[in-house]
C-alpha atoms as a PDB file:
ATOM      1  CA  UNK A   1       4.654  15.374 -25.021  1.00  0.00           C
ATOM      2  CA  UNK A   2       1.963  12.782 -25.586  1.00  0.00           C
ATOM      3  CA  UNK A   3      -1.638  13.107 -24.484  1.00  0.00           C
ATOM      4  CA  UNK A   4      -4.842  11.101 -24.591  1.00  0.00           C
ATOM      5  CA  UNK A   5      -5.326  11.797 -28.301  1.00  0.00           C
ATOM      6  CA  UNK A   6      -1.759  10.663 -29.051  1.00  0.00           C
ATOM      7  CA  UNK A   7      -2.522   7.251 -27.573  1.00  0.00           C
ATOM      8  CA  UNK A   8      -4.739   6.548 -30.595  1.00  0.00           C
ATOM      9  CA  UNK A   9      -1.615   6.500 -32.781  1.00  0.00           C
ATOM     10  CA  UNK A  10      -0.116   3.752 -30.605  1.00  0.00           C
ATOM     11  CA  UNK A  11      -3.112   1.422 -30.818  1.00  0.00           C
ATOM     12  CA  UNK A  12      -2.216  -0.226 -34.157  1.00  0.00           C
ATOM     13  CA  UNK A  13       1.068  -1.333 -32.567  1.00  0.00           C
ATOM     14  CA  UNK A  14      -0.892  -3.336 -29.998  1.00  0.00           C
ATOM     15  CA  UNK A  15      -3.248  -4.865 -32.519  1.00  0.00           C
ATOM     16  CA  UNK A  16      -2.761  -8.470 -33.535  1.00  0.00           C
ATOM     17  CA  UNK A  17      -3.575  -9.083 -37.192  1.00  0.00           C
ATOM     18  CA  UNK A  18      -4.793 -12.622 -36.465  1.00  0.00           C
ATOM     19  CA  UNK A  19      -5.744 -14.402 -33.267  1.00  0.00           C
ATOM     20  CA  UNK A  20      -2.494 -16.356 -33.338  1.00  0.00           C
ATOM     21  CA  UNK A  21      -0.281 -13.358 -34.186  1.00  0.00           C
ATOM     22  CA  UNK A  22       1.183 -11.361 -31.300  1.00  0.00           C
ATOM     23  CA  UNK A  23       1.052  -7.573 -31.387  1.00  0.00           C
ATOM     24  CA  UNK A  24       3.970  -5.658 -32.886  1.00  0.00           C
ATOM     25  CA  UNK A  25       4.807  -4.080 -29.526  1.00  0.00           C
ATOM     26  CA  UNK A  26       4.995  -6.075 -26.295  1.00  0.00           C
ATOM     27  CA  UNK A  27       6.503  -3.291 -24.176  1.00  0.00           C
ATOM     28  CA  UNK A  28       5.404   0.318 -24.000  1.00  0.00           C
ATOM     29  CA  UNK A  29       6.933   3.281 -22.166  1.00  0.00           C
ATOM     30  CA  UNK A  30       4.775   6.411 -22.125  1.00  0.00           C
ATOM     31  CA  UNK A  31       6.374   7.831 -18.987  1.00  0.00           C
ATOM     32  CA  UNK A  32       6.776  11.558 -18.482  1.00  0.00           C
ATOM     33  CA  UNK A  33       3.546  12.435 -20.263  1.00  0.00           C
ATOM     34  CA  UNK A  34       1.256  14.197 -17.779  1.00  0.00           C
ATOM     35  CA  UNK A  35      -1.383  14.717 -20.456  1.00  0.00           C
ATOM     36  CA  UNK A  36      -2.049  10.992 -20.616  1.00  0.00           C
ATOM     37  CA  UNK A  37      -4.955  10.435 -18.243  1.00  0.00           C
ATOM     38  CA  UNK A  38      -7.391   7.633 -17.500  1.00  0.00           C
ATOM     39  CA  UNK A  39      -8.984   8.302 -20.895  1.00  0.00           C
ATOM     40  CA  UNK A  40      -5.740   7.457 -22.697  1.00  0.00           C
ATOM     41  CA  UNK A  41      -5.131   4.512 -20.383  1.00  0.00           C
ATOM     42  CA  UNK A  42      -8.573   3.081 -21.139  1.00  0.00           C
ATOM     43  CA  UNK A  43      -7.944   3.428 -24.873  1.00  0.00           C
ATOM     44  CA  UNK A  44      -4.554   1.793 -24.562  1.00  0.00           C
ATOM     45  CA  UNK A  45      -5.719  -1.196 -22.529  1.00  0.00           C
ATOM     46  CA  UNK A  46      -8.786  -1.679 -24.743  1.00  0.00           C
ATOM     47  CA  UNK A  47      -6.586  -2.353 -27.783  1.00  0.00           C
ATOM     48  CA  UNK A  48      -7.111  -5.931 -29.016  1.00  0.00           C
ATOM     49  CA  UNK A  49      -3.533  -7.022 -28.319  1.00  0.00           C
ATOM     50  CA  UNK A  50      -3.122  -5.252 -24.964  1.00  0.00           C
ATOM     51  CA  UNK A  51      -4.484  -8.024 -22.747  1.00  0.00           C
ATOM     52  CA  UNK A  52      -2.694 -11.005 -24.242  1.00  0.00           C
ATOM     53  CA  UNK A  53       0.359  -9.306 -25.749  1.00  0.00           C
ATOM     54  CA  UNK A  54       1.437  -6.318 -23.662  1.00  0.00           C
ATOM     55  CA  UNK A  55       4.121  -7.530 -21.262  1.00  0.00           C
ATOM     56  CA  UNK A  56       5.736  -4.296 -20.030  1.00  0.00           C
ATOM     57  CA  UNK A  57       4.079  -0.959 -19.364  1.00  0.00           C
ATOM     58  CA  UNK A  58       5.614   2.205 -17.898  1.00  0.00           C
ATOM     59  CA  UNK A  59       3.069   4.898 -17.086  1.00  0.00           C
ATOM     60  CA  UNK A  60       5.295   6.964 -14.804  1.00  0.00           C
ATOM     61  CA  UNK A  61       4.228  10.577 -14.342  1.00  0.00           C
ATOM     62  CA  UNK A  62       1.031  10.118 -16.323  1.00  0.00           C
ATOM     63  CA  UNK A  63      -1.969  11.738 -14.632  1.00  0.00           C
ATOM     64  CA  UNK A  64      -3.900   8.605 -13.749  1.00  0.00           C
ATOM     65  CA  UNK A  65      -5.122   9.198 -10.204  1.00  0.00           C
ATOM     66  CA  UNK A  66      -7.192   6.661  -8.254  1.00  0.00           C
ATOM     67  CA  UNK A  67      -9.372   5.949 -11.317  1.00  0.00           C
ATOM     68  CA  UNK A  68      -6.283   4.874 -13.217  1.00  0.00           C
ATOM     69  CA  UNK A  69      -5.455   2.436 -10.419  1.00  0.00           C
ATOM     70  CA  UNK A  70      -8.929   0.915 -10.795  1.00  0.00           C
ATOM     71  CA  UNK A  71      -8.443   0.484 -14.545  1.00  0.00           C
ATOM     72  CA  UNK A  72      -5.012  -1.088 -14.064  1.00  0.00           C
ATOM     73  CA  UNK A  73      -6.299  -3.414 -11.333  1.00  0.00           C
ATOM     74  CA  UNK A  74      -9.116  -4.577 -13.616  1.00  0.00           C
ATOM     75  CA  UNK A  75      -6.603  -5.192 -16.389  1.00  0.00           C
ATOM     76  CA  UNK A  76      -4.325  -7.193 -14.081  1.00  0.00           C
ATOM     77  CA  UNK A  77      -7.295  -9.241 -12.887  1.00  0.00           C
ATOM     78  CA  UNK A  78      -8.552 -10.041 -16.383  1.00  0.00           C
ATOM     79  CA  UNK A  79      -8.141 -13.636 -17.514  1.00  0.00           C
ATOM     80  CA  UNK A  80      -5.086 -13.984 -19.744  1.00  0.00           C
ATOM     81  CA  UNK A  81      -3.423 -10.694 -18.789  1.00  0.00           C
ATOM     82  CA  UNK A  82       0.185 -11.088 -19.970  1.00  0.00           C
ATOM     83  CA  UNK A  83       1.570  -8.013 -18.214  1.00  0.00           C
ATOM     84  CA  UNK A  84       4.883  -8.885 -16.541  1.00  0.00           C
ATOM     85  CA  UNK A  85       6.274  -5.479 -15.565  1.00  0.00           C
ATOM     86  CA  UNK A  86       4.198  -2.464 -14.516  1.00  0.00           C
ATOM     87  CA  UNK A  87       5.686   0.861 -13.456  1.00  0.00           C
ATOM     88  CA  UNK A  88       3.461   3.698 -12.267  1.00  0.00           C
ATOM     89  CA  UNK A  89       5.849   6.148 -10.601  1.00  0.00           C
ATOM     90  CA  UNK A  90       4.224   9.355  -9.421  1.00  0.00           C
ATOM     91  CA  UNK A  91       0.825   8.880 -11.034  1.00  0.00           C
ATOM     92  CA  UNK A  92      -1.293  10.242  -8.167  1.00  0.00           C
ATOM     93  CA  UNK A  93      -2.751   6.820  -7.369  1.00  0.00           C
ATOM     94  CA  UNK A  94      -3.149   7.578  -3.662  1.00  0.00           C
ATOM     95  CA  UNK A  95      -3.188   5.063  -0.836  1.00  0.00           C
ATOM     96  CA  UNK A  96      -6.359   3.330  -2.027  1.00  0.00           C
ATOM     97  CA  UNK A  97      -4.979   3.030  -5.547  1.00  0.00           C
ATOM     98  CA  UNK A  98      -1.700   1.556  -4.313  1.00  0.00           C
ATOM     99  CA  UNK A  99      -3.538  -0.988  -2.160  1.00  0.00           C
ATOM    100  CA  UNK A 100      -5.900  -1.883  -4.999  1.00  0.00           C
ATOM    101  CA  UNK A 101      -2.976  -2.553  -7.353  1.00  0.00           C
ATOM    102  CA  UNK A 102      -1.098  -4.601  -4.769  1.00  0.00           C
ATOM    103  CA  UNK A 103      -4.216  -6.727  -4.217  1.00  0.00           C
ATOM    104  CA  UNK A 104      -4.633  -7.240  -7.983  1.00  0.00           C
ATOM    105  CA  UNK A 105      -0.920  -8.024  -8.347  1.00  0.00           C
ATOM    106  CA  UNK A 106      -1.164 -10.678  -5.648  1.00  0.00           C
ATOM    107  CA  UNK A 107      -3.223 -12.842  -7.985  1.00  0.00           C
ATOM    108  CA  UNK A 108      -1.913 -11.780 -11.412  1.00  0.00           C
ATOM    109  CA  UNK A 109      -0.205 -14.930 -12.745  1.00  0.00           C
ATOM    110  CA  UNK A 110       2.358 -13.298 -15.038  1.00  0.00           C
ATOM    111  CA  UNK A 111       3.169 -10.039 -13.232  1.00  0.00           C
ATOM    112  CA  UNK A 112       6.771 -10.179 -11.971  1.00  0.00           C
ATOM    113  CA  UNK A 113       7.469  -6.574 -11.086  1.00  0.00           C
ATOM    114  CA  UNK A 114       5.271  -3.760  -9.783  1.00  0.00           C
ATOM    115  CA  UNK A 115       6.698  -0.310  -9.041  1.00  0.00           C
ATOM    116  CA  UNK A 116       4.400   2.206  -7.364  1.00  0.00           C
ATOM    117  CA  UNK A 117       6.996   4.638  -6.013  1.00  0.00           C
ATOM    118  CA  UNK A 118       5.772   8.129  -5.066  1.00  0.00           C
ATOM    119  CA  UNK A 119       2.115   7.174  -4.713  1.00  0.00           C
ATOM    120  CA  UNK A 120       0.359   7.190  -1.346  1.00  0.00           C
ATOM    121  CA  UNK A 121       3.462   7.460   0.778  1.00  0.00           C
ATOM    122  CA  UNK A 122       2.344  10.514   2.755  1.00  0.00           C
ATOM    123  CA  UNK A 123      -0.475   8.791   4.591  1.00  0.00           C
ATOM    124  CA  UNK A 124      -0.805   9.092   8.325  1.00  0.00           C
ATOM    125  CA  UNK A 125       0.837   6.089   9.936  1.00  0.00           C
ATOM    126  CA  UNK A 126       2.110   4.445   6.736  1.00  0.00           C
ATOM    127  CA  UNK A 127       2.727   1.185   8.602  1.00  0.00           C
ATOM    128  CA  UNK A 128      -0.923   0.829   9.560  1.00  0.00           C
ATOM    129  CA  UNK A 129      -2.550   2.282   6.442  1.00  0.00           C
ATOM    130  CA  UNK A 130      -0.251   0.844   3.748  1.00  0.00           C
ATOM    131  CA  UNK A 131       2.410  -1.474   5.132  1.00  0.00           C
ATOM    132  CA  UNK A 132       0.183  -3.832   7.109  1.00  0.00           C
ATOM    133  CA  UNK A 133      -2.302  -4.181   4.240  1.00  0.00           C
ATOM    134  CA  UNK A 134       0.491  -4.874   1.746  1.00  0.00           C
ATOM    135  CA  UNK A 135       2.007  -7.470   4.084  1.00  0.00           C
ATOM    136  CA  UNK A 136      -1.369  -9.237   4.474  1.00  0.00           C
ATOM    137  CA  UNK A 137      -2.066  -9.189   0.729  1.00  0.00           C
ATOM    138  CA  UNK A 138       1.330 -10.675  -0.087  1.00  0.00           C
ATOM    139  CA  UNK A 139       1.785 -13.068   2.841  1.00  0.00           C
ATOM    140  CA  UNK A 140       0.906 -16.061   0.641  1.00  0.00           C
ATOM    141  CA  UNK A 141       3.287 -16.444  -2.273  1.00  0.00           C
ATOM    142  CA  UNK A 142       1.818 -14.535  -5.238  1.00  0.00           C
ATOM    143  CA  UNK A 143       1.771 -16.588  -8.442  1.00  0.00           C
ATOM    144  CA  UNK A 144       4.142 -14.367 -10.381  1.00  0.00           C
ATOM    145  CA  UNK A 145       5.086 -11.247  -8.450  1.00  0.00           C
ATOM    146  CA  UNK A 146       8.743 -11.225  -7.447  1.00  0.00           C
ATOM    147  CA  UNK A 147       9.471  -7.521  -6.808  1.00  0.00           C
ATOM    148  CA  UNK A 148       7.304  -4.742  -5.383  1.00  0.00           C
ATOM    149  CA  UNK A 149       8.706  -1.229  -5.065  1.00  0.00           C
ATOM    150  CA  UNK A 150       6.953   1.307  -2.812  1.00  0.00           C
ATOM    151  CA  UNK A 151       7.729   4.624  -1.168  1.00  0.00           C
ATOM    152  CA  UNK A 152       7.792   4.875   2.595  1.00  0.00           C
ATOM    153  CA  UNK A 153       8.286   7.782   5.010  1.00  0.00           C
ATOM    154  CA  UNK A 154      11.807   7.874   6.419  1.00  0.00           C
ATOM    155  CA  UNK A 155      10.497   7.843   9.988  1.00  0.00           C
ATOM    156  CA  UNK A 156       8.817   4.460   9.411  1.00  0.00           C
ATOM    157  CA  UNK A 157      11.414   2.902   7.128  1.00  0.00           C
ATOM    158  CA  UNK A 158      13.109   0.612   9.664  1.00  0.00           C
ATOM    159  CA  UNK A 159       9.796  -0.758  10.978  1.00  0.00           C
ATOM    160  CA  UNK A 160       8.483  -1.112   7.426  1.00  0.00           C
ATOM    161  CA  UNK A 161      11.529  -3.141   6.388  1.00  0.00           C
ATOM    162  CA  UNK A 162      10.930  -5.460   9.311  1.00  0.00           C
ATOM    163  CA  UNK A 163       7.250  -5.777   8.406  1.00  0.00           C
ATOM    164  CA  UNK A 164       7.929  -6.838   4.803  1.00  0.00           C
ATOM    165  CA  UNK A 165      11.225  -8.619   5.377  1.00  0.00           C
ATOM    166  CA  UNK A 166       9.760 -12.130   5.562  1.00  0.00           C
ATOM    167  CA  UNK A 167       7.363 -11.851   2.614  1.00  0.00           C
ATOM    168  CA  UNK A 168       7.808 -14.408  -0.202  1.00  0.00           C
ATOM    169  CA  UNK A 169       8.932 -11.685  -2.628  1.00  0.00           C
ATOM    170  CA  UNK A 170      11.321  -8.773  -2.551  1.00  0.00           C
ATOM    171  CA  UNK A 171       9.796  -5.502  -1.371  1.00  0.00           C
ATOM    172  CA  UNK A 172      11.970  -2.491  -2.080  1.00  0.00           C
ATOM    173  CA  UNK A 173      11.128   0.487   0.113  1.00  0.00           C
ATOM    174  CA  UNK A 174      12.211   3.857  -1.256  1.00  0.00           C
ATOM    175  CA  UNK A 175      12.553   6.700   1.269  1.00  0.00           C
ATOM    176  CA  UNK A 176      10.397   9.709   0.431  1.00  0.00           C
ATOM    177  CA  UNK A 177      13.445  11.959   0.117  1.00  0.00           C
ATOM    178  CA  UNK A 178      14.466   9.992  -2.988  1.00  0.00           C
ATOM    179  CA  UNK A 179      11.186  10.636  -4.810  1.00  0.00           C
ATOM    180  CA  UNK A 180      12.265  13.942  -6.391  1.00  0.00           C
ATOM    181  CA  UNK A 181       9.588  16.136  -4.836  1.00  0.00           C
ATOM    182  CA  UNK A 182      11.129  19.346  -6.073  1.00  0.00           C
ATOM    183  CA  UNK A 183       9.427  18.856  -9.426  1.00  0.00           C
ATOM    184  CA  UNK A 184       5.838  19.964  -9.869  1.00  0.00           C
ATOM    185  CA  UNK A 185       3.286  17.199  -9.419  1.00  0.00           C
ATOM    186  CA  UNK A 186       1.603  16.222 -12.660  1.00  0.00           C
ATOM    187  CA  UNK A 187      -2.147  16.527 -12.426  1.00  0.00           C
ATOM    188  CA  UNK A 188      -3.057  16.977 -16.093  1.00  0.00           C
ATOM    189  CA  UNK A 189      -5.420  19.554 -17.504  1.00  0.00           C
END
Protein backbone atom coordinates (compact mmCIF):
# COMPACT_ATOMS: atom_id res chain seq x y z
CA UNK A 1 0.00 0.00 0.00
CA UNK A 2 1.25 3.45 -0.89
CA UNK A 3 1.11 6.47 1.38
CA UNK A 4 2.04 10.13 1.31
CA UNK A 5 5.75 9.34 1.68
CA UNK A 6 5.57 6.86 -1.22
CA UNK A 7 4.37 9.62 -3.53
CA UNK A 8 7.86 11.13 -3.37
CA UNK A 9 9.18 8.12 -5.30
CA UNK A 10 6.72 8.83 -8.12
CA UNK A 11 7.71 12.47 -8.58
CA UNK A 12 10.72 11.87 -10.87
CA UNK A 13 8.36 10.12 -13.29
CA UNK A 14 6.39 13.35 -13.66
CA UNK A 15 9.44 15.53 -14.06
CA UNK A 16 10.33 16.82 -17.50
CA UNK A 17 14.08 17.00 -18.07
CA UNK A 18 13.72 20.04 -20.36
CA UNK A 19 10.89 22.46 -20.97
CA UNK A 20 10.14 20.82 -24.30
CA UNK A 21 10.37 17.23 -23.01
CA UNK A 22 7.19 15.61 -21.70
CA UNK A 23 7.27 13.70 -18.43
CA UNK A 24 7.96 9.96 -18.49
CA UNK A 25 4.49 9.18 -17.16
CA UNK A 26 1.33 10.80 -18.53
CA UNK A 27 -1.13 8.56 -16.67
CA UNK A 28 -1.05 7.59 -13.03
CA UNK A 29 -3.24 5.17 -11.06
CA UNK A 30 -2.75 5.29 -7.29
CA UNK A 31 -6.21 3.92 -6.51
CA UNK A 32 -6.83 1.73 -3.49
CA UNK A 33 -4.29 3.52 -1.31
CA UNK A 34 -6.12 5.01 1.68
CA UNK A 35 -2.87 6.30 3.13
CA UNK A 36 -2.51 8.78 0.29
CA UNK A 37 -4.06 11.98 1.62
CA UNK A 38 -4.13 15.63 0.59
CA UNK A 39 -0.45 15.83 1.54
CA UNK A 40 0.47 13.22 -1.08
CA UNK A 41 -1.89 14.79 -3.59
CA UNK A 42 -0.27 18.20 -3.13
CA UNK A 43 3.18 16.68 -3.64
CA UNK A 44 2.02 14.83 -6.73
CA UNK A 45 0.38 17.82 -8.40
CA UNK A 46 3.31 20.10 -7.52
CA UNK A 47 5.69 17.98 -9.61
CA UNK A 48 7.05 20.04 -12.54
CA UNK A 49 5.47 17.84 -15.21
CA UNK A 50 2.11 17.30 -13.49
CA UNK A 51 0.34 20.38 -14.86
CA UNK A 52 1.35 20.16 -18.50
CA UNK A 53 2.01 16.43 -18.82
CA UNK A 54 -0.30 14.42 -16.57
CA UNK A 55 -3.30 13.40 -18.67
CA UNK A 56 -4.93 10.63 -16.60
CA UNK A 57 -5.18 10.37 -12.83
CA UNK A 58 -7.02 7.76 -10.75
CA UNK A 59 -7.18 8.60 -7.06
CA UNK A 60 -9.97 6.19 -6.15
CA UNK A 61 -10.18 5.25 -2.48
CA UNK A 62 -7.44 7.67 -1.48
CA UNK A 63 -8.32 9.64 1.65
CA UNK A 64 -8.66 13.08 0.10
CA UNK A 65 -11.78 14.55 1.68
CA UNK A 66 -13.11 18.02 0.85
CA UNK A 67 -9.59 19.51 0.97
CA UNK A 68 -8.53 17.13 -1.77
CA UNK A 69 -11.43 18.36 -3.91
CA UNK A 70 -10.16 21.92 -3.46
CA UNK A 71 -6.66 20.93 -4.56
CA UNK A 72 -7.98 19.05 -7.59
CA UNK A 73 -10.28 21.94 -8.55
CA UNK A 74 -7.34 24.36 -8.38
CA UNK A 75 -5.29 22.02 -10.55
CA UNK A 76 -8.09 21.72 -13.13
CA UNK A 77 -8.47 25.50 -13.18
CA UNK A 78 -4.76 26.18 -13.66
CA UNK A 79 -3.74 27.50 -17.07
CA UNK A 80 -2.36 24.69 -19.22
CA UNK A 81 -3.74 21.80 -17.16
CA UNK A 82 -3.51 18.79 -19.50
CA UNK A 83 -5.59 16.42 -17.38
CA UNK A 84 -8.05 14.53 -19.61
CA UNK A 85 -9.38 11.81 -17.31
CA UNK A 86 -9.89 12.14 -13.55
CA UNK A 87 -11.32 9.40 -11.36
CA UNK A 88 -11.92 9.98 -7.66
CA UNK A 89 -14.17 7.09 -6.59
CA UNK A 90 -14.92 6.99 -2.89
CA UNK A 91 -12.49 9.67 -1.75
CA UNK A 92 -14.73 11.31 0.86
CA UNK A 93 -15.10 14.49 -1.19
CA UNK A 94 -18.59 15.24 0.13
CA UNK A 95 -21.29 17.23 -1.62
CA UNK A 96 -19.32 20.48 -1.61
CA UNK A 97 -16.26 18.73 -3.03
CA UNK A 98 -18.28 17.10 -5.80
CA UNK A 99 -19.87 20.43 -6.74
CA UNK A 100 -16.51 22.21 -6.65
CA UNK A 101 -14.98 19.65 -9.02
CA UNK A 102 -17.94 19.76 -11.39
CA UNK A 103 -17.66 23.57 -11.52
CA UNK A 104 -13.91 23.35 -12.23
CA UNK A 105 -14.50 20.64 -14.85
CA UNK A 106 -17.02 22.84 -16.63
CA UNK A 107 -14.22 25.16 -17.70
CA UNK A 108 -11.25 22.77 -17.91
CA UNK A 109 -10.37 22.74 -21.63
CA UNK A 110 -8.82 19.27 -21.86
CA UNK A 111 -10.80 17.28 -19.28
CA UNK A 112 -12.94 14.68 -21.09
CA UNK A 113 -14.00 12.40 -18.28
CA UNK A 114 -14.72 12.99 -14.60
CA UNK A 115 -15.84 10.16 -12.31
CA UNK A 116 -16.89 11.08 -8.78
CA UNK A 117 -18.88 7.97 -7.88
CA UNK A 118 -19.52 7.33 -4.16
CA UNK A 119 -18.92 10.91 -3.05
CA UNK A 120 -21.72 13.08 -1.70
CA UNK A 121 -24.57 10.87 -2.80
CA UNK A 122 -26.22 10.60 0.62
CA UNK A 123 -27.26 14.23 0.84
CA UNK A 124 -30.79 15.16 1.75
CA UNK A 125 -32.74 15.77 -1.44
CA UNK A 126 -29.96 14.89 -3.90
CA UNK A 127 -31.89 16.52 -6.74
CA UNK A 128 -31.88 19.91 -5.04
CA UNK A 129 -28.47 19.78 -3.37
CA UNK A 130 -26.44 18.07 -6.12
CA UNK A 131 -28.43 17.42 -9.28
CA UNK A 132 -29.76 20.93 -9.88
CA UNK A 133 -26.35 22.52 -9.26
CA UNK A 134 -24.64 20.05 -11.61
CA UNK A 135 -27.27 20.70 -14.29
CA UNK A 136 -26.77 24.48 -14.00
CA UNK A 137 -22.97 24.20 -14.08
CA UNK A 138 -23.03 22.03 -17.19
CA UNK A 139 -25.96 23.57 -19.08
CA UNK A 140 -23.58 25.39 -21.45
CA UNK A 141 -21.37 23.00 -23.37
CA UNK A 142 -18.14 22.53 -21.38
CA UNK A 143 -15.02 22.95 -23.51
CA UNK A 144 -13.77 19.41 -23.09
CA UNK A 145 -15.90 17.41 -20.68
CA UNK A 146 -17.80 14.62 -22.41
CA UNK A 147 -18.64 12.21 -19.56
CA UNK A 148 -19.49 12.82 -15.91
CA UNK A 149 -20.18 9.88 -13.61
CA UNK A 150 -21.94 10.47 -10.27
CA UNK A 151 -23.75 8.44 -7.64
CA UNK A 152 -27.41 9.09 -6.98
CA UNK A 153 -29.90 7.68 -4.46
CA UNK A 154 -32.16 5.06 -6.01
CA UNK A 155 -35.27 6.94 -4.91
CA UNK A 156 -34.26 9.98 -6.99
CA UNK A 157 -32.70 8.17 -9.94
CA UNK A 158 -35.56 8.56 -12.43
CA UNK A 159 -35.98 12.29 -11.72
CA UNK A 160 -32.21 12.76 -11.80
CA UNK A 161 -31.96 11.11 -15.22
CA UNK A 162 -34.61 13.48 -16.50
CA UNK A 163 -32.80 16.46 -14.99
CA UNK A 164 -29.48 15.67 -16.70
CA UNK A 165 -30.86 14.04 -19.84
CA UNK A 166 -30.63 17.14 -22.04
CA UNK A 167 -27.17 18.31 -20.95
CA UNK A 168 -24.54 18.67 -23.70
CA UNK A 169 -22.51 15.77 -22.28
CA UNK A 170 -23.22 12.29 -21.03
CA UNK A 171 -24.00 12.07 -17.32
CA UNK A 172 -23.89 8.54 -15.98
CA UNK A 173 -25.82 8.14 -12.74
CA UNK A 174 -24.81 5.16 -10.61
CA UNK A 175 -27.36 3.93 -8.05
CA UNK A 176 -26.02 3.92 -4.50
CA UNK A 177 -26.52 0.16 -4.20
CA UNK A 178 -23.76 -0.32 -6.79
CA UNK A 179 -21.17 1.63 -4.79
CA UNK A 180 -19.94 -1.36 -2.74
CA UNK A 181 -20.78 0.02 0.69
CA UNK A 182 -20.01 -3.22 2.47
CA UNK A 183 -16.33 -2.31 2.50
CA UNK A 184 -14.99 -0.05 5.22
CA UNK A 185 -14.75 3.60 4.25
CA UNK A 186 -11.18 4.78 3.87
CA UNK A 187 -10.45 7.74 6.09
CA UNK A 188 -6.68 7.44 6.47
CA UNK A 189 -4.73 7.70 9.69
